[in-house]
C-alpha atoms as a PDB file:
ATOM      1  CA  UNK A   1     249.271 -86.839   8.241  1.00  0.00           C
ATOM      2  CA  UNK A   2     247.621 -84.052   9.925  1.00  0.00           C
ATOM      3  CA  UNK A   3     247.935 -80.421   8.376  1.00  0.00           C
ATOM      4  CA  UNK A   4     249.762 -78.317  10.788  1.00  0.00           C
ATOM      5  CA  UNK A   5     250.080 -75.190   8.174  1.00  0.00           C
ATOM      6  CA  UNK A   6     247.349 -73.673  10.344  1.00  0.00           C
ATOM      7  CA  UNK A   7     249.103 -73.893  13.832  1.00  0.00           C
ATOM      8  CA  UNK A   8     250.789 -71.154  15.112  1.00  0.00           C
ATOM      9  CA  UNK A   9     251.802 -72.323  18.714  1.00  0.00           C
ATOM     10  CA  UNK A  10     252.695 -69.351  21.144  1.00  0.00           C
ATOM     11  CA  UNK A  11     255.531 -70.407  23.776  1.00  0.00           C
ATOM     12  CA  UNK A  12     254.859 -68.236  27.237  1.00  0.00           C
ATOM     13  CA  UNK A  13     256.517 -69.187  30.869  1.00  0.00           C
ATOM     14  CA  UNK A  14     254.742 -70.302  33.920  1.00  0.00           C
ATOM     15  CA  UNK A  15     256.037 -67.280  36.308  1.00  0.00           C
ATOM     16  CA  UNK A  16     254.245 -64.572  38.787  1.00  0.00           C
ATOM     17  CA  UNK A  17     251.660 -65.111  41.471  1.00  0.00           C
ATOM     18  CA  UNK A  18     251.910 -66.105  45.109  1.00  0.00           C
ATOM     19  CA  UNK A  19     255.379 -67.992  45.310  1.00  0.00           C
ATOM     20  CA  UNK A  20     256.387 -69.103  48.675  1.00  0.00           C
ATOM     21  CA  UNK A  21     259.216 -71.633  48.248  1.00  0.00           C
ATOM     22  CA  UNK A  22     262.119 -69.092  47.348  1.00  0.00           C
ATOM     23  CA  UNK A  23     263.762 -66.237  49.143  1.00  0.00           C
ATOM     24  CA  UNK A  24     262.939 -62.306  48.591  1.00  0.00           C
ATOM     25  CA  UNK A  25     266.685 -62.489  46.955  1.00  0.00           C
ATOM     26  CA  UNK A  26     265.997 -65.018  44.527  1.00  0.00           C
ATOM     27  CA  UNK A  27     262.478 -63.952  43.253  1.00  0.00           C
ATOM     28  CA  UNK A  28     261.431 -62.583  40.466  1.00  0.00           C
ATOM     29  CA  UNK A  29     259.222 -59.794  39.010  1.00  0.00           C
ATOM     30  CA  UNK A  30     256.080 -60.267  39.276  1.00  0.00           C
ATOM     31  CA  UNK A  31     256.201 -62.518  41.816  1.00  0.00           C
ATOM     32  CA  UNK A  32     254.343 -61.770  45.333  1.00  0.00           C
ATOM     33  CA  UNK A  33     255.802 -63.297  48.769  1.00  0.00           C
ATOM     34  CA  UNK A  34     252.022 -61.971  50.085  1.00  0.00           C
ATOM     35  CA  UNK A  35     248.593 -61.695  48.590  1.00  0.00           C
ATOM     36  CA  UNK A  36     245.960 -60.095  50.279  1.00  0.00           C
ATOM     37  CA  UNK A  37     242.285 -59.774  48.861  1.00  0.00           C
ATOM     38  CA  UNK A  38     243.336 -62.227  46.102  1.00  0.00           C
ATOM     39  CA  UNK A  39     242.086 -65.000  44.952  1.00  0.00           C
ATOM     40  CA  UNK A  40     242.409 -68.376  42.532  1.00  0.00           C
ATOM     41  CA  UNK A  41     241.548 -67.659  39.043  1.00  0.00           C
ATOM     42  CA  UNK A  42     239.498 -69.846  37.055  1.00  0.00           C
ATOM     43  CA  UNK A  43     241.364 -69.007  34.265  1.00  0.00           C
ATOM     44  CA  UNK A  44     245.067 -69.767  36.120  1.00  0.00           C
ATOM     45  CA  UNK A  45     246.652 -67.502  38.703  1.00  0.00           C
ATOM     46  CA  UNK A  46     245.014 -64.832  40.731  1.00  0.00           C
ATOM     47  CA  UNK A  47     242.464 -62.168  40.597  1.00  0.00           C
ATOM     48  CA  UNK A  48     241.750 -59.150  43.094  1.00  0.00           C
ATOM     49  CA  UNK A  49     238.474 -59.305  44.753  1.00  0.00           C
ATOM     50  CA  UNK A  50     236.474 -56.454  43.937  1.00  0.00           C
ATOM     51  CA  UNK A  51     234.763 -56.401  47.529  1.00  0.00           C
ATOM     52  CA  UNK A  52     232.312 -58.262  49.545  1.00  0.00           C
ATOM     53  CA  UNK A  53     228.891 -57.584  50.598  1.00  0.00           C
ATOM     54  CA  UNK A  54     227.039 -59.107  53.279  1.00  0.00           C
ATOM     55  CA  UNK A  55     224.622 -62.120  52.713  1.00  0.00           C
ATOM     56  CA  UNK A  56     222.471 -61.008  55.451  1.00  0.00           C
ATOM     57  CA  UNK A  57     222.695 -57.900  57.782  1.00  0.00           C
ATOM     58  CA  UNK A  58     222.492 -59.636  61.061  1.00  0.00           C
ATOM     59  CA  UNK A  59     224.826 -61.904  62.608  1.00  0.00           C
ATOM     60  CA  UNK A  60     224.266 -65.543  63.024  1.00  0.00           C
ATOM     61  CA  UNK A  61     222.460 -66.138  66.365  1.00  0.00           C
ATOM     62  CA  UNK A  62     224.869 -67.655  69.184  1.00  0.00           C
ATOM     63  CA  UNK A  63     222.867 -70.478  71.501  1.00  0.00           C
ATOM     64  CA  UNK A  64     225.720 -69.899  74.525  1.00  0.00           C
ATOM     65  CA  UNK A  65     228.217 -66.592  74.060  1.00  0.00           C
ATOM     66  CA  UNK A  66     229.458 -64.408  71.350  1.00  0.00           C
ATOM     67  CA  UNK A  67     232.295 -66.900  70.968  1.00  0.00           C
ATOM     68  CA  UNK A  68     230.944 -69.323  69.681  1.00  0.00           C
ATOM     69  CA  UNK A  69     232.254 -69.844  66.186  1.00  0.00           C
ATOM     70  CA  UNK A  70     230.069 -70.608  63.118  1.00  0.00           C
ATOM     71  CA  UNK A  71     230.851 -74.147  62.317  1.00  0.00           C
ATOM     72  CA  UNK A  72     229.266 -74.121  58.776  1.00  0.00           C
ATOM     73  CA  UNK A  73     227.935 -71.841  56.148  1.00  0.00           C
ATOM     74  CA  UNK A  74     226.955 -72.654  52.645  1.00  0.00           C
ATOM     75  CA  UNK A  75     224.290 -71.832  49.911  1.00  0.00           C
ATOM     76  CA  UNK A  76     221.770 -74.229  49.193  1.00  0.00           C
ATOM     77  CA  UNK A  77     219.908 -73.335  46.211  1.00  0.00           C
ATOM     78  CA  UNK A  78     217.053 -75.817  46.738  1.00  0.00           C
ATOM     79  CA  UNK A  79     215.151 -72.127  48.805  1.00  0.00           C
ATOM     80  CA  UNK A  80     217.763 -69.940  47.514  1.00  0.00           C
ATOM     81  CA  UNK A  81     218.946 -69.603  51.586  1.00  0.00           C
ATOM     82  CA  UNK A  82     222.074 -69.246  53.192  1.00  0.00           C
ATOM     83  CA  UNK A  83     222.403 -72.734  55.915  1.00  0.00           C
ATOM     84  CA  UNK A  84     224.807 -71.652  58.806  1.00  0.00           C
ATOM     85  CA  UNK A  85     225.420 -73.643  62.135  1.00  0.00           C
ATOM     86  CA  UNK A  86     226.316 -71.795  65.346  1.00  0.00           C
ATOM     87  CA  UNK A  87     226.121 -73.526  68.745  1.00  0.00           C
ATOM     88  CA  UNK A  88     223.626 -76.080  68.858  1.00  0.00           C
ATOM     89  CA  UNK A  89     221.519 -74.863  66.221  1.00  0.00           C
ATOM     90  CA  UNK A  90     221.648 -74.569  62.444  1.00  0.00           C
ATOM     91  CA  UNK A  91     220.036 -71.826  60.682  1.00  0.00           C
ATOM     92  CA  UNK A  92     219.226 -69.997  57.432  1.00  0.00           C
ATOM     93  CA  UNK A  93     218.423 -66.383  56.364  1.00  0.00           C
ATOM     94  CA  UNK A  94     217.348 -65.184  53.276  1.00  0.00           C
ATOM     95  CA  UNK A  95     219.425 -62.210  51.349  1.00  0.00           C
ATOM     96  CA  UNK A  96     218.524 -58.783  52.905  1.00  0.00           C
ATOM     97  CA  UNK A  97     217.966 -58.054  56.743  1.00  0.00           C
ATOM     98  CA  UNK A  98     215.541 -60.770  57.369  1.00  0.00           C
ATOM     99  CA  UNK A  99     216.081 -62.794  60.737  1.00  0.00           C
ATOM    100  CA  UNK A 100     217.765 -65.905  61.053  1.00  0.00           C
ATOM    101  CA  UNK A 101     215.452 -69.118  60.985  1.00  0.00           C
ATOM    102  CA  UNK A 102     216.534 -72.073  63.463  1.00  0.00           C
ATOM    103  CA  UNK A 103     215.578 -75.522  61.421  1.00  0.00           C
ATOM    104  CA  UNK A 104     217.467 -77.705  63.754  1.00  0.00           C
ATOM    105  CA  UNK A 105     218.512 -77.434  67.225  1.00  0.00           C
ATOM    106  CA  UNK A 106     220.145 -79.851  70.061  1.00  0.00           C
ATOM    107  CA  UNK A 107     223.427 -80.911  68.724  1.00  0.00           C
ATOM    108  CA  UNK A 108     225.153 -81.164  71.145  1.00  0.00           C
ATOM    109  CA  UNK A 109     229.417 -80.776  71.183  1.00  0.00           C
ATOM    110  CA  UNK A 110     229.469 -80.665  67.187  1.00  0.00           C
ATOM    111  CA  UNK A 111     232.813 -80.132  65.632  1.00  0.00           C
ATOM    112  CA  UNK A 112     233.648 -78.458  62.323  1.00  0.00           C
ATOM    113  CA  UNK A 113     230.662 -79.940  59.450  1.00  0.00           C
ATOM    114  CA  UNK A 114     230.981 -81.113  56.343  1.00  0.00           C
ATOM    115  CA  UNK A 115     228.191 -81.228  53.984  1.00  0.00           C
ATOM    116  CA  UNK A 116     227.406 -82.535  50.837  1.00  0.00           C
ATOM    117  CA  UNK A 117     224.492 -81.741  48.154  1.00  0.00           C
ATOM    118  CA  UNK A 118     222.672 -84.502  46.207  1.00  0.00           C
ATOM    119  CA  UNK A 119     219.418 -84.891  43.668  1.00  0.00           C
ATOM    120  CA  UNK A 120     218.149 -88.501  44.244  1.00  0.00           C
ATOM    121  CA  UNK A 121     214.119 -87.576  43.779  1.00  0.00           C
ATOM    122  CA  UNK A 122     214.287 -84.395  41.393  1.00  0.00           C
ATOM    123  CA  UNK A 123     215.292 -81.681  43.609  1.00  0.00           C
ATOM    124  CA  UNK A 124     218.091 -80.725  45.369  1.00  0.00           C
ATOM    125  CA  UNK A 125     219.117 -82.039  49.167  1.00  0.00           C
ATOM    126  CA  UNK A 126     221.253 -80.905  51.565  1.00  0.00           C
ATOM    127  CA  UNK A 127     223.068 -83.312  53.857  1.00  0.00           C
ATOM    128  CA  UNK A 128     225.618 -82.420  56.853  1.00  0.00           C
ATOM    129  CA  UNK A 129     227.668 -84.507  59.919  1.00  0.00           C
ATOM    130  CA  UNK A 130     229.279 -82.793  62.587  1.00  0.00           C
ATOM    131  CA  UNK A 131     231.388 -85.932  64.187  1.00  0.00           C
ATOM    132  CA  UNK A 132     229.442 -85.873  67.223  1.00  0.00           C
ATOM    133  CA  UNK A 133     225.199 -86.329  66.080  1.00  0.00           C
ATOM    134  CA  UNK A 134     223.425 -88.088  63.473  1.00  0.00           C
ATOM    135  CA  UNK A 135     223.710 -87.065  59.861  1.00  0.00           C
ATOM    136  CA  UNK A 136     221.140 -84.735  58.991  1.00  0.00           C
ATOM    137  CA  UNK A 137     219.324 -84.075  55.559  1.00  0.00           C
ATOM    138  CA  UNK A 138     217.234 -81.141  54.337  1.00  0.00           C
ATOM    139  CA  UNK A 139     215.163 -80.502  51.624  1.00  0.00           C
ATOM    140  CA  UNK A 140     214.355 -77.174  51.764  1.00  0.00           C
ATOM    141  CA  UNK A 141     211.593 -77.153  54.262  1.00  0.00           C
ATOM    142  CA  UNK A 142     211.767 -80.518  55.874  1.00  0.00           C
ATOM    143  CA  UNK A 143     215.206 -81.579  58.188  1.00  0.00           C
ATOM    144  CA  UNK A 144     215.719 -85.394  59.044  1.00  0.00           C
ATOM    145  CA  UNK A 145     218.172 -86.929  60.892  1.00  0.00           C
ATOM    146  CA  UNK A 146     219.460 -90.312  59.275  1.00  0.00           C
ATOM    147  CA  UNK A 147     219.225 -92.526  62.323  1.00  0.00           C
ATOM    148  CA  UNK A 148     217.122 -95.828  60.682  1.00  0.00           C
ATOM    149  CA  UNK A 149     218.558 -99.027  61.884  1.00  0.00           C
ATOM    150  CA  UNK A 150     222.353 -99.299  60.988  1.00  0.00           C
ATOM    151  CA  UNK A 151     223.069 -95.320  60.382  1.00  0.00           C
ATOM    152  CA  UNK A 152     226.157 -94.071  61.920  1.00  0.00           C
ATOM    153  CA  UNK A 153     226.005 -92.566  65.088  1.00  0.00           C
ATOM    154  CA  UNK A 154     228.202 -89.774  64.691  1.00  0.00           C
ATOM    155  CA  UNK A 155     229.798 -89.509  61.197  1.00  0.00           C
ATOM    156  CA  UNK A 156     232.389 -86.563  60.760  1.00  0.00           C
ATOM    157  CA  UNK A 157     233.022 -86.939  56.997  1.00  0.00           C
ATOM    158  CA  UNK A 158     229.703 -87.605  54.656  1.00  0.00           C
ATOM    159  CA  UNK A 159     229.610 -87.762  50.497  1.00  0.00           C
ATOM    160  CA  UNK A 160     227.073 -88.445  47.749  1.00  0.00           C
ATOM    161  CA  UNK A 161     228.601 -90.914  45.897  1.00  0.00           C
ATOM    162  CA  UNK A 162     227.405 -93.438  43.096  1.00  0.00           C
ATOM    163  CA  UNK A 163     223.415 -92.442  44.120  1.00  0.00           C
ATOM    164  CA  UNK A 164     224.115 -93.427  47.838  1.00  0.00           C
ATOM    165  CA  UNK A 165     225.718 -91.515  50.496  1.00  0.00           C
ATOM    166  CA  UNK A 166     229.005 -92.609  52.377  1.00  0.00           C
ATOM    167  CA  UNK A 167     229.754 -91.820  56.308  1.00  0.00           C
ATOM    168  CA  UNK A 168     233.025 -91.623  57.809  1.00  0.00           C
ATOM    169  CA  UNK A 169     234.815 -90.652  60.885  1.00  0.00           C
ATOM    170  CA  UNK A 170     232.808 -92.337  63.730  1.00  0.00           C
ATOM    171  CA  UNK A 171     234.191 -92.627  66.637  1.00  0.00           C
ATOM    172  CA  UNK A 172     233.604 -96.145  67.301  1.00  0.00           C
ATOM    173  CA  UNK A 173     234.715 -96.985  64.087  1.00  0.00           C
ATOM    174  CA  UNK A 174     237.445 -94.227  62.809  1.00  0.00           C
ATOM    175  CA  UNK A 175     238.400 -97.025  60.402  1.00  0.00           C
ATOM    176  CA  UNK A 176     235.094 -97.542  58.485  1.00  0.00           C
ATOM    177  CA  UNK A 177     233.119 -96.440  55.489  1.00  0.00           C
ATOM    178  CA  UNK A 178     229.383 -96.752  55.947  1.00  0.00           C
ATOM    179  CA  UNK A 179     227.097 -96.477  52.914  1.00  0.00           C
ATOM    180  CA  UNK A 180     223.589 -96.496  52.389  1.00  0.00           C
ATOM    181  CA  UNK A 181     221.317 -98.784  49.804  1.00  0.00           C
ATOM    182  CA  UNK A 182     221.411 -97.480  45.941  1.00  0.00           C
ATOM    183  CA  UNK A 183     219.338 -94.387  45.428  1.00  0.00           C
ATOM    184  CA  UNK A 184     218.499 -93.890  49.040  1.00  0.00           C
ATOM    185  CA  UNK A 185     219.850 -91.710  51.302  1.00  0.00           C
ATOM    186  CA  UNK A 186     218.383 -93.224  55.171  1.00  0.00           C
ATOM    187  CA  UNK A 187     218.032 -96.758  53.701  1.00  0.00           C
ATOM    188  CA  UNK A 188     220.962 -99.005  55.840  1.00  0.00           C
ATOM    189  CA  UNK A 189     219.775-102.209  55.369  1.00  0.00           C
ATOM    190  CA  UNK A 190     222.630-104.960  53.845  1.00  0.00           C
ATOM    191  CA  UNK A 191     219.789-107.109  52.051  1.00  0.00           C
ATOM    192  CA  UNK A 192     218.889-103.769  50.047  1.00  0.00           C
ATOM    193  CA  UNK A 193     222.808-103.053  48.755  1.00  0.00           C
ATOM    194  CA  UNK A 194     223.961-100.954  51.699  1.00  0.00           C
ATOM    195  CA  UNK A 195     227.037-101.690  53.267  1.00  0.00           C
ATOM    196  CA  UNK A 196     230.532-101.404  55.440  1.00  0.00           C
ATOM    197  CA  UNK A 197     234.103-101.259  54.718  1.00  0.00           C
ATOM    198  CA  UNK A 198     237.051-100.871  56.365  1.00  0.00           C
ATOM    199  CA  UNK A 199     240.770 -99.548  55.626  1.00  0.00           C
ATOM    200  CA  UNK A 200     243.447-100.062  57.883  1.00  0.00           C
ATOM    201  CA  UNK A 201     243.990 -96.778  58.891  1.00  0.00           C
ATOM    202  CA  UNK A 202     241.971 -93.617  60.464  1.00  0.00           C
ATOM    203  CA  UNK A 203     239.705 -92.381  58.196  1.00  0.00           C
ATOM    204  CA  UNK A 204     240.364 -88.342  57.321  1.00  0.00           C
ATOM    205  CA  UNK A 205     238.147 -87.787  54.620  1.00  0.00           C
ATOM    206  CA  UNK A 206     236.318 -88.682  51.546  1.00  0.00           C
ATOM    207  CA  UNK A 207     236.757 -86.847  48.350  1.00  0.00           C
ATOM    208  CA  UNK A 208     234.665 -87.731  45.492  1.00  0.00           C
ATOM    209  CA  UNK A 209     236.792 -87.448  42.487  1.00  0.00           C
ATOM    210  CA  UNK A 210     235.015 -88.855  38.417  1.00  0.00           C
ATOM    211  CA  UNK A 211     234.142 -92.410  38.872  1.00  0.00           C
ATOM    212  CA  UNK A 212     236.166 -92.856  42.024  1.00  0.00           C
ATOM    213  CA  UNK A 213     235.722 -91.786  45.811  1.00  0.00           C
ATOM    214  CA  UNK A 214     239.209 -91.256  47.114  1.00  0.00           C
ATOM    215  CA  UNK A 215     239.349 -92.122  50.908  1.00  0.00           C
ATOM    216  CA  UNK A 216     242.208 -90.582  53.034  1.00  0.00           C
ATOM    217  CA  UNK A 217     243.629 -91.672  56.437  1.00  0.00           C
ATOM    218  CA  UNK A 218     245.742 -90.632  58.270  1.00  0.00           C
ATOM    219  CA  UNK A 219     248.666 -93.015  57.305  1.00  0.00           C
ATOM    220  CA  UNK A 220     247.316 -94.122  53.862  1.00  0.00           C
ATOM    221  CA  UNK A 221     245.039 -93.050  51.048  1.00  0.00           C
ATOM    222  CA  UNK A 222     242.263 -95.324  49.333  1.00  0.00           C
ATOM    223  CA  UNK A 223     240.068 -94.958  46.101  1.00  0.00           C
ATOM    224  CA  UNK A 224     236.601 -96.711  45.611  1.00  0.00           C
ATOM    225  CA  UNK A 225     235.420 -98.205  42.462  1.00  0.00           C
ATOM    226  CA  UNK A 226     232.391 -99.989  41.472  1.00  0.00           C
ATOM    227  CA  UNK A 227     229.055 -98.789  40.956  1.00  0.00           C
ATOM    228  CA  UNK A 228     227.211-101.053  43.878  1.00  0.00           C
ATOM    229  CA  UNK A 229     228.269-103.014  46.596  1.00  0.00           C
ATOM    230  CA  UNK A 230     228.182-106.072  44.174  1.00  0.00           C
ATOM    231  CA  UNK A 231     231.386-104.576  42.867  1.00  0.00           C
ATOM    232  CA  UNK A 232     232.852-102.454  44.367  1.00  0.00           C
ATOM    233  CA  UNK A 233     236.472-102.684  44.749  1.00  0.00           C
ATOM    234  CA  UNK A 234     238.999-100.980  47.100  1.00  0.00           C
ATOM    235  CA  UNK A 235     242.480 -99.977  46.103  1.00  0.00           C
ATOM    236  CA  UNK A 236     245.504 -98.393  47.319  1.00  0.00           C
ATOM    237  CA  UNK A 237     246.580 -95.304  46.326  1.00  0.00           C
ATOM    238  CA  UNK A 238     249.762 -95.042  48.729  1.00  0.00           C
ATOM    239  CA  UNK A 239     250.475 -96.733  51.670  1.00  0.00           C
ATOM    240  CA  UNK A 240     253.570 -94.342  52.810  1.00  0.00           C
ATOM    241  CA  UNK A 241     251.548 -90.709  52.578  1.00  0.00           C
ATOM    242  CA  UNK A 242     247.820 -89.915  54.472  1.00  0.00           C
ATOM    243  CA  UNK A 243     246.561 -86.303  55.264  1.00  0.00           C
ATOM    244  CA  UNK A 244     245.694 -85.378  58.655  1.00  0.00           C
ATOM    245  CA  UNK A 245     243.281 -82.576  58.339  1.00  0.00           C
ATOM    246  CA  UNK A 246     240.175 -83.682  55.785  1.00  0.00           C
ATOM    247  CA  UNK A 247     239.360 -80.233  54.997  1.00  0.00           C
ATOM    248  CA  UNK A 248     242.897 -79.122  53.987  1.00  0.00           C
ATOM    249  CA  UNK A 249     242.352 -81.682  50.192  1.00  0.00           C
ATOM    250  CA  UNK A 250     241.623 -79.947  47.319  1.00  0.00           C
ATOM    251  CA  UNK A 251     240.730 -81.318  44.207  1.00  0.00           C
END
């Protein structure tokens, strides 16, 4: 039997922080009704944000008007720059006061971007999708549209899972997940191991977690297990709960 003589457990209540499910009359000391300039702490609870610093002093350029929203902002360690999408173009800029440089243009009718980072050949690559154009990858030097034969035309979601890219949210097939051949990002040939899987509800998000790919739909949640098309298995998580906004999914 294990020796427990050296254990000295300390019991403490989990309380305080942001509480939104109680009235102000039922809240206890230390509980917050509203938090401004706070963020979740990696050690639990919340921590105060000590301040902000602009990555670049220049505003991301607009292609039509100043009211265009920024649809993506992500740090890319492959070249130590921030990538931002606005209007019909995608830009990058280093920290400081240098100008934003367009790396991709002509992206018409784009909506909010999804993106993921991966490394299949020894260097970091970022891939993004906007729900209206071909998905695109960028290695820090070259932008490449993923438009090979069989590629989805306008995916809304893209994730790297099991050394392949998975796409969903296509307007013509909203219940379909399309994936590339193993260890590739633009090979959609079934002969090489690419393929697709359908579910019975409109897909709203893809989320890899450990060795499983969770597929959120409007009325269902599924998970994909396995390593390649030879042993992929789609399993239901629930058929009674779904997700309407994929950008709200959190681990």
